């Protein structure tokens, strides 16, 4: 298979237990967002806009709905000759097999897949973040710095800093220390879970890490700190756009409500870096003669005869004549009477 400069490995196997009932029957990246989208749409759309057309999607927890949704990747124009989207669950070989133990182990178990493309760089992504990003700019930065690893970072609220990997850098943006979810963070520059590695560097450290029984096989806890300690060339890439980790009910709700703000930094109506999804064909939504709708997103197939304000309605939602819906997120086929 021909050489490609960069391919992506998208981590999509997480249970997302903090999202509670939303992930009872679906992996976190497959959860609906903004009415018509699923969370994974953002990372897949970003890959298309960044001209990265080979994407390995590493699934594990409740993968059926997500696998069916992704399909061939055609909804994101990623179904290219000798490229495309590939679903990569854990598998058995003649020596047995294991579940993905953690983020780094998931990529380690797919070294053979990456080697088929012989890339110079590997982009590691999380399938559970909401953002628009052109990864090609980060790749350019990586090449300019001749970095072994580049970590995309952004400034977060201080009270949220304990939820993320925090980077400490020198004047040249070179990372000198990486603290994974510190109790007392020294700054609020958080890792977005977006990494670009030189493949030769990543492959070597993954093989070593896999044989280390004391390791948790995690990028933030093990791989990155080890590379820093070994003096590898590791830089932070500052991202100044909209980005949200929607791993909790509260953050998920707030990110959805951000879409309804007139000055939202996440503009889904923009033709720049458009977010694509795998949409089914449905009839147009219907608004009754006495219905009232304000500041809301309403998807195809909805029947609205009541009052809806500041809410997001997914496909085929029914709002009865006497119903009043405010500040809500309603999933597909919900009926409010």
Protein backbone atom coordinates (compact mmCIF):
# COMPACT_ATOMS: atom_id res chain seq x y z
CA UNK A 1 0.00 0.00 0.00
CA UNK A 2 1.33 3.46 -0.89
CA UNK A 3 3.01 5.73 1.63
CA UNK A 4 0.87 8.45 3.18
CA UNK A 5 2.26 11.37 5.14
CA UNK A 6 -0.30 11.13 7.94
CA UNK A 7 -3.11 8.80 8.94
CA UNK A 8 -5.50 9.13 11.88
CA UNK A 9 -6.34 6.73 14.69
CA UNK A 10 -9.61 7.71 16.33
CA UNK A 11 -10.24 6.37 19.83
CA UNK A 12 -13.94 5.51 20.00
CA UNK A 13 -14.19 2.60 22.41
CA UNK A 14 -15.01 4.43 25.63
CA UNK A 15 -18.08 3.60 27.69
CA UNK A 16 -18.65 7.15 28.86
CA UNK A 17 -20.08 6.09 32.23
CA UNK A 18 -20.34 9.73 33.39
CA UNK A 19 -22.96 10.27 30.69
CA UNK A 20 -25.11 7.73 32.54
CA UNK A 21 -28.24 6.66 30.62
CA UNK A 22 -27.03 8.26 27.38
CA UNK A 23 -24.47 5.48 26.96
CA UNK A 24 -26.44 2.48 28.21
CA UNK A 25 -26.80 1.13 24.67
CA UNK A 26 -24.29 3.19 22.71
CA UNK A 27 -20.63 4.16 22.86
CA UNK A 28 -19.97 7.76 23.87
CA UNK A 29 -18.85 8.89 20.38
CA UNK A 30 -22.19 7.67 19.04
CA UNK A 31 -24.33 9.84 21.32
CA UNK A 32 -26.53 12.38 19.54
CA UNK A 33 -25.48 16.03 19.61
CA UNK A 34 -27.13 19.18 18.31
CA UNK A 35 -30.20 17.30 17.13
CA UNK A 36 -28.88 15.81 13.88
CA UNK A 37 -25.28 14.91 14.68
CA UNK A 38 -23.39 12.32 16.66
CA UNK A 39 -20.32 13.32 18.65
CA UNK A 40 -17.95 11.42 16.36
CA UNK A 41 -19.11 13.51 13.37
CA UNK A 42 -16.83 16.34 14.46
CA UNK A 43 -13.59 14.35 14.39
CA UNK A 44 -14.49 12.62 11.12
CA UNK A 45 -15.45 15.91 9.47
CA UNK A 46 -12.22 17.49 10.71
CA UNK A 47 -10.25 14.68 9.06
CA UNK A 48 -11.94 15.34 5.72
CA UNK A 49 -11.28 19.08 5.88
CA UNK A 50 -7.66 18.36 6.83
CA UNK A 51 -7.13 16.07 3.81
CA UNK A 52 -6.56 13.07 6.06
CA UNK A 53 -8.51 10.31 4.35
CA UNK A 54 -7.27 7.20 6.15
CA UNK A 55 -8.91 6.88 9.56
CA UNK A 56 -8.83 3.86 11.84
CA UNK A 57 -11.74 3.94 14.30
CA UNK A 58 -10.92 1.91 17.41
CA UNK A 59 -14.18 0.61 18.86
CA UNK A 60 -14.91 -1.61 21.83
CA UNK A 61 -17.87 -0.73 24.11
CA UNK A 62 -21.34 -1.23 22.55
CA UNK A 63 -20.04 -0.80 18.98
CA UNK A 64 -23.04 -1.96 16.93
CA UNK A 65 -24.84 1.38 16.48
CA UNK A 66 -21.58 3.26 15.94
CA UNK A 67 -20.29 0.75 13.38
CA UNK A 68 -23.55 0.91 11.46
CA UNK A 69 -23.57 4.69 11.56
CA UNK A 70 -20.01 5.09 10.24
CA UNK A 71 -20.35 2.49 7.50
CA UNK A 72 -17.88 3.11 4.67
CA UNK A 73 -17.25 6.71 5.70
CA UNK A 74 -19.04 8.02 2.61
CA UNK A 75 -21.09 10.52 4.64
CA UNK A 76 -17.84 12.35 5.40
CA UNK A 77 -16.39 11.81 1.88
CA UNK A 78 -13.72 9.55 3.37
CA UNK A 79 -14.41 6.56 1.08
CA UNK A 80 -11.33 7.03 -1.10
CA UNK A 81 -9.39 4.52 -3.22
CA UNK A 82 -6.74 2.83 -1.03
CA UNK A 83 -7.90 5.01 1.86
CA UNK A 84 -11.08 5.33 3.92
CA UNK A 85 -12.54 4.64 7.35
CA UNK A 86 -11.75 1.30 8.97
CA UNK A 87 -13.47 -0.06 12.07
CA UNK A 88 -10.82 -1.65 14.30
CA UNK A 89 -12.20 -3.63 17.26
CA UNK A 90 -10.01 -5.88 19.45
CA UNK A 91 -9.36 -9.23 17.77
CA UNK A 92 -7.95 -12.69 18.37
CA UNK A 93 -4.86 -14.19 16.79
CA UNK A 94 -3.18 -17.58 17.19
CA UNK A 95 -1.75 -16.49 20.54
CA UNK A 96 -5.09 -15.28 21.86
CA UNK A 97 -6.25 -11.72 22.28
CA UNK A 98 -7.20 -8.99 24.73
CA UNK A 99 -9.62 -6.14 25.10
CA UNK A 100 -8.09 -2.71 24.61
CA UNK A 101 -6.63 -1.96 28.03
CA UNK A 102 -6.35 1.79 27.51
CA UNK A 103 -5.67 4.44 24.88
CA UNK A 104 -2.06 3.55 24.10
CA UNK A 105 -2.74 -0.18 24.15
CA UNK A 106 -5.56 0.28 21.63
CA UNK A 107 -3.13 1.85 19.16
CA UNK A 108 -0.44 -0.71 19.99
CA UNK A 109 -2.79 -3.56 19.07
CA UNK A 110 -3.20 -1.96 15.64
CA UNK A 111 0.46 -1.42 14.74
CA UNK A 112 0.04 -3.81 11.81
CA UNK A 113 -2.77 -1.65 10.40
CA UNK A 114 -0.66 1.50 10.62
CA UNK A 115 2.35 -0.22 9.08
CA UNK A 116 0.27 -1.07 6.01
CA UNK A 117 0.26 2.64 5.16
CA UNK A 118 3.85 3.35 6.25
CA UNK A 119 3.02 6.93 7.33
CA UNK A 120 5.52 9.54 8.45
CA UNK A 121 3.08 10.76 11.10
CA UNK A 122 0.14 9.38 13.05
CA UNK A 123 -2.64 11.63 14.31
CA UNK A 124 -4.28 10.37 17.52
CA UNK A 125 -7.83 11.61 18.13
CA UNK A 126 -10.56 11.19 20.71
CA UNK A 127 -14.02 10.53 19.36
CA UNK A 128 -15.84 12.35 22.15
CA UNK A 129 -14.99 16.03 21.73
CA UNK A 130 -16.93 18.85 20.08
CA UNK A 131 -14.78 21.15 17.95
CA UNK A 132 -13.78 22.19 14.43
CA UNK A 133 -10.07 21.93 13.70
CA UNK A 134 -7.84 21.82 10.63
CA UNK A 135 -5.28 19.19 11.60
CA UNK A 136 -3.13 20.04 8.57
CA UNK A 137 -2.06 23.28 10.27
CA UNK A 138 -0.97 21.30 13.32
CA UNK A 139 0.92 18.92 11.03
CA UNK A 140 2.70 21.87 9.38
CA UNK A 141 3.70 23.09 12.85
CA UNK A 142 5.00 19.62 13.72
CA UNK A 143 7.16 19.53 10.61
CA UNK A 144 8.48 23.06 11.17
CA UNK A 145 9.59 22.13 14.69
CA UNK A 146 10.79 18.69 13.60
CA UNK A 147 8.83 17.48 16.62
CA UNK A 148 8.68 13.86 17.69
CA UNK A 149 5.29 14.67 19.17
CA UNK A 150 2.96 17.66 19.10
CA UNK A 151 0.16 18.01 21.66
CA UNK A 152 -2.74 20.31 20.86
CA UNK A 153 -3.61 22.47 23.88
CA UNK A 154 -6.03 25.19 24.82
CA UNK A 155 -6.81 27.35 27.80
CA UNK A 156 -9.59 26.02 30.03
CA UNK A 157 -11.32 27.38 33.12
CA UNK A 158 -9.21 26.92 36.24
CA UNK A 159 -11.91 24.92 37.99
CA UNK A 160 -11.88 22.43 35.09
CA UNK A 161 -8.10 22.06 34.84
CA UNK A 162 -8.05 19.04 37.15
CA UNK A 163 -10.01 17.08 34.50
CA UNK A 164 -7.28 17.31 31.87
CA UNK A 165 -3.64 16.70 31.15
CA UNK A 166 -1.84 19.98 31.86
CA UNK A 167 1.23 21.03 29.87
CA UNK A 168 4.15 23.07 31.18
CA UNK A 169 6.25 24.63 28.40
CA UNK A 170 9.34 26.76 27.85
CA UNK A 171 9.48 29.98 25.79
CA UNK A 172 9.60 28.00 22.54
CA UNK A 173 6.41 26.06 23.43
CA UNK A 174 8.46 22.93 24.05
CA UNK A 175 6.80 20.77 26.69
CA UNK A 176 9.01 20.24 29.72
CA UNK A 177 6.41 18.58 31.95
CA UNK A 178 3.04 16.91 31.49
CA UNK A 179 0.70 16.35 34.46
CA UNK A 180 -2.28 14.10 33.84
CA UNK A 181 -5.31 15.39 35.78
CA UNK A 182 -3.30 17.07 38.58
CA UNK A 183 -4.98 17.86 41.91
CA UNK A 184 -3.27 21.27 41.98
CA UNK A 185 -2.55 22.35 38.40
CA UNK A 186 0.24 24.90 37.88
CA UNK A 187 -1.48 26.37 34.84
CA UNK A 188 -4.64 25.92 32.81
CA UNK A 189 -3.21 24.95 29.41
CA UNK A 190 -4.97 21.64 28.87
CA UNK A 191 -4.29 18.87 26.42
CA UNK A 192 -7.15 18.33 23.97
CA UNK A 193 -6.28 14.67 23.47
CA UNK A 194 -5.13 15.48 19.92
CA UNK A 195 -1.59 14.25 19.23
CA UNK A 196 0.64 14.05 16.17
CA UNK A 197 3.52 11.58 16.53
CA UNK A 198 6.34 10.67 14.24
CA UNK A 199 5.36 7.09 13.53
CA UNK A 200 8.84 5.68 14.16
CA UNK A 201 8.88 7.33 17.60
CA UNK A 202 5.35 6.24 18.51
CA UNK A 203 5.86 2.67 17.36
CA UNK A 204 9.01 2.23 19.41
CA UNK A 205 7.49 3.59 22.63
CA UNK A 206 4.27 1.59 22.17
CA UNK A 207 6.23 -1.66 21.88
CA UNK A 208 8.21 -0.84 25.02
CA UNK A 209 5.14 0.25 26.94
CA UNK A 210 3.25 -2.93 26.06
CA UNK A 211 5.88 -5.04 27.85
CA UNK A 212 5.87 -2.83 30.96
CA UNK A 213 3.59 -4.54 33.47
CA UNK A 214 3.57 -1.46 35.71
CA UNK A 215 2.20 0.78 32.95
CA UNK A 216 -1.45 1.75 32.59
CA UNK A 217 -0.86 1.96 28.81
CA UNK A 218 -2.26 5.48 28.66
CA UNK A 219 -0.99 8.34 26.49
CA UNK A 220 -1.36 10.99 29.19
CA UNK A 221 -0.14 8.96 32.15
CA UNK A 222 2.62 6.92 30.54
CA UNK A 223 3.57 7.59 26.92
CA UNK A 224 3.95 11.38 26.99
CA UNK A 225 5.75 11.62 30.39
CA UNK A 226 8.17 8.88 29.29
CA UNK A 227 9.03 10.67 26.05
CA UNK A 228 9.58 13.94 27.94
CA UNK A 229 11.87 12.19 30.43
CA UNK A 230 13.86 10.75 27.54
CA UNK A 231 14.41 14.21 26.07
CA UNK A 232 12.32 13.77 22.94
CA UNK A 233 11.31 16.85 20.97
CA UNK A 234 7.76 17.51 22.19
CA UNK A 235 5.83 20.71 21.52
CA UNK A 236 2.44 22.16 22.37
CA UNK A 237 0.26 23.55 19.60
CA UNK A 238 -2.10 26.28 20.80
CA UNK A 239 -5.68 25.96 19.56
CA UNK A 240 -7.88 29.04 20.00
CA UNK A 241 -11.20 27.80 18.62
CA UNK A 242 -14.24 26.24 20.29
CA UNK A 243 -13.58 22.90 21.99
CA UNK A 244 -15.58 20.98 24.56
CA UNK A 245 -15.05 17.67 26.26
CA UNK A 246 -18.62 16.41 26.65
CA UNK A 247 -17.81 13.57 29.01
CA UNK A 248 -20.29 14.58 31.71
CA UNK A 249 -24.02 15.31 31.65
CA UNK A 250 -23.36 18.92 32.65
CA UNK A 251 -20.74 19.56 29.95
CA UNK A 252 -22.86 17.76 27.36
CA UNK A 253 -25.89 19.92 28.15
CA UNK A 254 -23.88 23.15 28.14
CA UNK A 255 -22.25 22.33 24.80
CA UNK A 256 -25.66 21.70 23.23
CA UNK A 257 -27.03 24.94 24.65
CA UNK A 258 -24.03 26.79 23.23
CA UNK A 259 -25.49 26.12 19.79
CA UNK A 260 -28.48 28.32 20.62
CA UNK A 261 -26.43 31.39 21.51
CA UNK A 262 -26.45 34.18 18.93
CA UNK A 263 -22.72 34.68 19.43
CA UNK A 264 -21.81 30.99 19.65
CA UNK A 265 -18.19 30.21 18.83
CA UNK A 266 -19.40 26.93 17.32
CA UNK A 267 -21.28 27.91 14.17
CA UNK A 268 -22.81 24.83 12.58
CA UNK A 269 -24.48 26.93 9.87
CA UNK A 270 -21.14 28.15 8.53
CA UNK A 271 -19.92 26.69 5.24
CA UNK A 272 -16.37 26.85 6.60
CA UNK A 273 -15.33 23.49 8.08
CA UNK A 274 -18.87 22.17 7.76
CA UNK A 275 -19.77 19.25 10.02
CA UNK A 276 -21.18 16.26 8.13
CA UNK A 277 -23.36 13.43 9.40
CA UNK A 278 -24.99 10.22 8.23
CA UNK A 279 -28.54 11.45 7.78
CA UNK A 280 -31.52 9.28 6.97
CA UNK A 281 -34.18 10.48 4.56
CA UNK A 282 -37.11 11.88 6.54
CA UNK A 283 -40.04 14.12 5.79
CA UNK A 284 -39.82 17.85 6.62
CA UNK A 285 -40.82 18.89 10.13
CA UNK A 286 -44.38 20.17 10.61
CA UNK A 287 -45.34 23.22 12.68
CA UNK A 288 -49.02 23.49 13.61
CA UNK A 289 -51.08 26.65 13.21
CA UNK A 290 -51.08 27.40 16.94
CA UNK A 291 -47.54 26.22 17.63
CA UNK A 292 -44.87 28.57 18.98
CA UNK A 293 -41.14 28.03 18.44
CA UNK A 294 -38.33 30.33 19.53
CA UNK A 295 -34.53 30.02 19.66
CA UNK A 296 -34.54 26.29 18.96
CA UNK A 297 -33.07 23.71 16.60
CA UNK A 298 -35.69 21.43 15.06
CA UNK A 299 -34.76 18.42 12.94
CA UNK A 300 -36.59 16.62 10.14
CA UNK A 301 -39.69 14.60 10.90
CA UNK A 302 -40.77 16.59 13.97
CA UNK A 303 -44.44 17.36 14.55
CA UNK A 304 -44.88 20.47 16.67
CA UNK A 305 -48.26 21.72 17.83
CA UNK A 306 -47.30 23.08 21.25
CA UNK A 307 -44.71 25.56 22.52
CA UNK A 308 -40.95 25.09 22.21
CA UNK A 309 -38.30 27.55 23.39
CA UNK A 310 -34.52 27.40 23.80
CA UNK A 311 -34.45 23.68 23.01
CA UNK A 312 -32.96 21.13 20.62
CA UNK A 313 -35.26 18.57 19.02
CA UNK A 314 -33.79 15.58 17.23
CA UNK A 315 -35.54 13.59 14.51
CA UNK A 316 -39.26 12.72 14.64
CA UNK A 317 -40.05 14.36 17.97
CA UNK A 318 -43.73 15.01 18.69
CA UNK A 319 -44.83 18.02 20.76
CA UNK A 320 -48.56 17.94 21.51
CA UNK A 321 -50.94 20.92 21.54
CA UNK A 322 -50.87 21.34 25.31
CA UNK A 323 -47.15 20.70 25.73
CA UNK A 324 -44.57 23.33 26.71
CA UNK A 325 -40.88 22.53 26.22
CA UNK A 326 -38.15 24.84 27.54
CA UNK A 327 -34.36 24.55 27.88
CA UNK A 328 -34.42 20.92 26.81
CA UNK A 329 -32.63 18.40 24.61
CA UNK A 330 -35.02 15.82 23.16
CA UNK A 331 -33.73 12.71 21.40
CA UNK A 332 -35.33 11.00 18.40
CA UNK A 333 -38.97 9.91 18.57
CA UNK A 334 -39.65 11.45 21.97
CA UNK A 335 -43.34 12.28 22.47
CA UNK A 336 -44.36 15.14 24.78
CA UNK A 337 -48.10 15.49 25.23
